[in-house]
Amino acid sequence: MNWFSRYRFFRYSKSSPLIISKNNFSTQTILLRSNDYKSKSTQTTLIRPNDSKLNKLNRIIFGHKIFDEPKNVESILKEVLSDFQNSKEVRRQSTEMGVQIMKYRTAIRQFVKEVKDGKIEKCDKKALQSAFNEGGRDAIEKLLKLAFLEYSMNFMSDGDKQRFNSLKQLSDLRFPAEWHPAARTIQRKIILHVGPTNSGKTYNALKCLGSANSGVYCGPLRLLAHEIFDRFNSKGVPCNLVTGEERRELKGINVPLTSSTIEMVNLQKQVDVAVIDEIQMISDQQRGWAWTQALLGLQAKEIHICGEPSAVPLVKSICQSINEDIEIREYKRLSSLEISQKSLDGDLKKIKKGDCVVTFSRKSIFSLKHEIEAATGLRCAVAYGSLPPETRSQQAKLFNDPNSGFDVLVASDAIGMGLNLNIKRIVFESIKKYDGIGVRYIPIPQIKQIAGRAGRFGTENAVGEVTALETSDLKYVHQAMNSPHKDLEMAGLQPTMEMVELFAHQLPDVKEFAVLLEKFEDLARVDGQYFLCNFHTQKLIANSIELIPMTIPERFIFVTGPINTSDQRIMKNVQKFAMLHSQGKPCRISRIVTIPEKVPHNDELLGDLESIHRTLMLYLWLSYKFSETFVDVELAREMKLKCETIIHDSLQRLKTTRKRYHIVTRDVRKLNVTTKNNKHFTRQPKITKNDTAEKPVPHKQLENS
């Protein structure tokens, strides 16, 4: 066996590290080493290696290793309990709740012993296994924390016990239906429209909405809310628009309908018909709460829910819990979808008119655009997540217009929802994506949703086709497309601002808002079909504005804003916005943002402009929350439009080159020092002349977003 068959090597950008993976082990470790070979530093990262057999599509990541999902929890419980007993965080939380340090030591020892003996009911083998299946080691640790806090009540004073019970009641999220008493007084009719992409499910739901005397559309994206707003008004059906950043209300006439992003829907208004789109988002770790809130809280006589079949059991269960009947209407795809048996063999010259090439890196989008245009002579439109929704819509129109001169679309997973596209063929340039932790395979539901965009009923591209640029990727696409859907199990919840404020009053000594949210997470109790949405983003924002004096409601509004925490520019601007609001001064947008006059000529400058656009969007969002501070609304809108125009012009001119790197023998020799002492690697076999001899080794490029 030569060295390449045992190890796989990738390099995915010029400045990126070299990735080494060792396969064929249940426990798989990946080592990243800097390209600066003079540097002695090494770093491990979370990246799933290339699995040629593709027999395990779902992996769970723990710490610095990647594991296949174990069959039971016993193998790690001993280690978890040892770490738990010595955890400084658990000790801090317990003492803050009123457990004295000497009593804490006794309590933690007894608790760990009783867990091992199976005497703690909430931490028995079945409960631990269930937690592990749902969320891995983190879920076990959370279960142990909550159980220990309740167990430690036996070591608290009477006053601390009373306070702890109050906190438990305030963080009790087991009965979210009771948060919406007005909706419980209405006999609602629930109709669930389910089917694949291009099946007509949303079309039929919107027909019912269009004929209603009053109604509301709840969409996952501002882009979709705009589309429905434009569609109804163009047909002569008056419709208002409500999103976090924009309000458009028609004056002087009766307006029966409203198109809204789902977070902004008015739950206090009674309507005849409501439409909830993309219901499968109810299980999203960050935004799922908004779909749960709409499903439970809308005061509508008739609610039409649209989405994937995977949501049926969960939605039925929620409706049964509130004694509401549900009608399920199943749809089949209106146009056929064919999965190609052949890839493009890496040849971009095989790209043709009507193709949508999907990749998952912003840089790859621009480099592919340039390479495809050079190889085929076809002009490319682009669409990706950080692009302003208005610009995405413009690019979609260019691609759909046969006379525009734009024949190919290069896009990210942003095309999965929110854009009407006349695509003939989907071509996956990659089936991996960087998710902030490591490079992973695209989830199967997402592959299906993206692939389903190929083919559009009633057009010349009625028959859709799906393929991949590389043959190895096409195997995964085939397996994903032929896999049965996995039913959703839980719906997201998020506490209201009033809940968090009451919770904070019980903890006057906790000054940091991020710590307050963390304590709410630790104590929160949810029913089996619900989960608490992730507070990670909110805690990052809370930490950035911690030193700025504000009330709890004000902090809650800021941390729940549309803020990309990986964007350093917007994080700094959040601090400026919060400071000016705290000081009671008007925030002048011209002092915060300056739009460059020149059209960006490279990817970095375009990224800066997109960041400016996000800042303007946040300003407009805050203007509806704090109108006395964020006063330059019209100027911000003008700057936003100017920014979108410059971005659109830049997309037509921007050219970058996609660099492909190869691993040669000298790279391997220099890596021997790194790998030979690493306990997760065995010594590499010697490389003979027959193996490589300084020739580039073929490899699959990983995409970094």
Foldseek 3Di string as FASTA:
>chain_A
DAQCVQWAWFDFDDFFFIWIWGDDDQKIFIWTDGPPLVDPDTDAFDADDDDLVCPQADWDDDDRITGRQDPFDPVCPVVLLVCLLVPPVLQVVLVLLAFDNVNVNVLSVVLSVCLVVQNQVCNHRVNLRVQCVVHNPVSNSLSSSQSSSVSCLVRGDPVSVVLLVVLLVLQEAACVLVVAVLQLVAQAEAEEEAEAPQFCSVVVQVVVVLPFQAEEEEAQDLLQLVVSCVVSVVVVQAEWEDELQDTGDDPDDDHRYYRYHLQPDDLVDATAEYEYEALVCQPPQAPVASSVCCLSRHNYNYYYYYHHPLAVVLSCVVCVVSPHDYHYDYTYRPFAEAEDPDAQALDLCPDDFQEEEEDAFPVVLQQSQQVNCVNHVQHEQEEEDLAPSVLNQVSQVLCQDPPNRHGYYYYYLPVLDSYQHAHQEYEYADQWAQDPRYIHGNDLVSLSSVSSSHAHPPDPSNYHYYHYNHPSVSVVSVVSNPDDDHHQQAGEHEDDLVSLQVSCVSSVVDLQVLVSVVVSQSSRDYHRRYDYRDCVQLSLLSVLQSVQDDHSSVSVVLSPFPDDSVDPLLSVVSNVLSNCVSVLHADDVVVNDDDDPDQDQEDVVLVVLSVSLVNLSRLSSCCVVCVSHSPPSVVSVVVNVVSSVSSSVNSSRHHDHRDGDFDFPVNVVSCQVVPPPDPSDHHRDDHDCVRGVGHGDDHDHGHYD
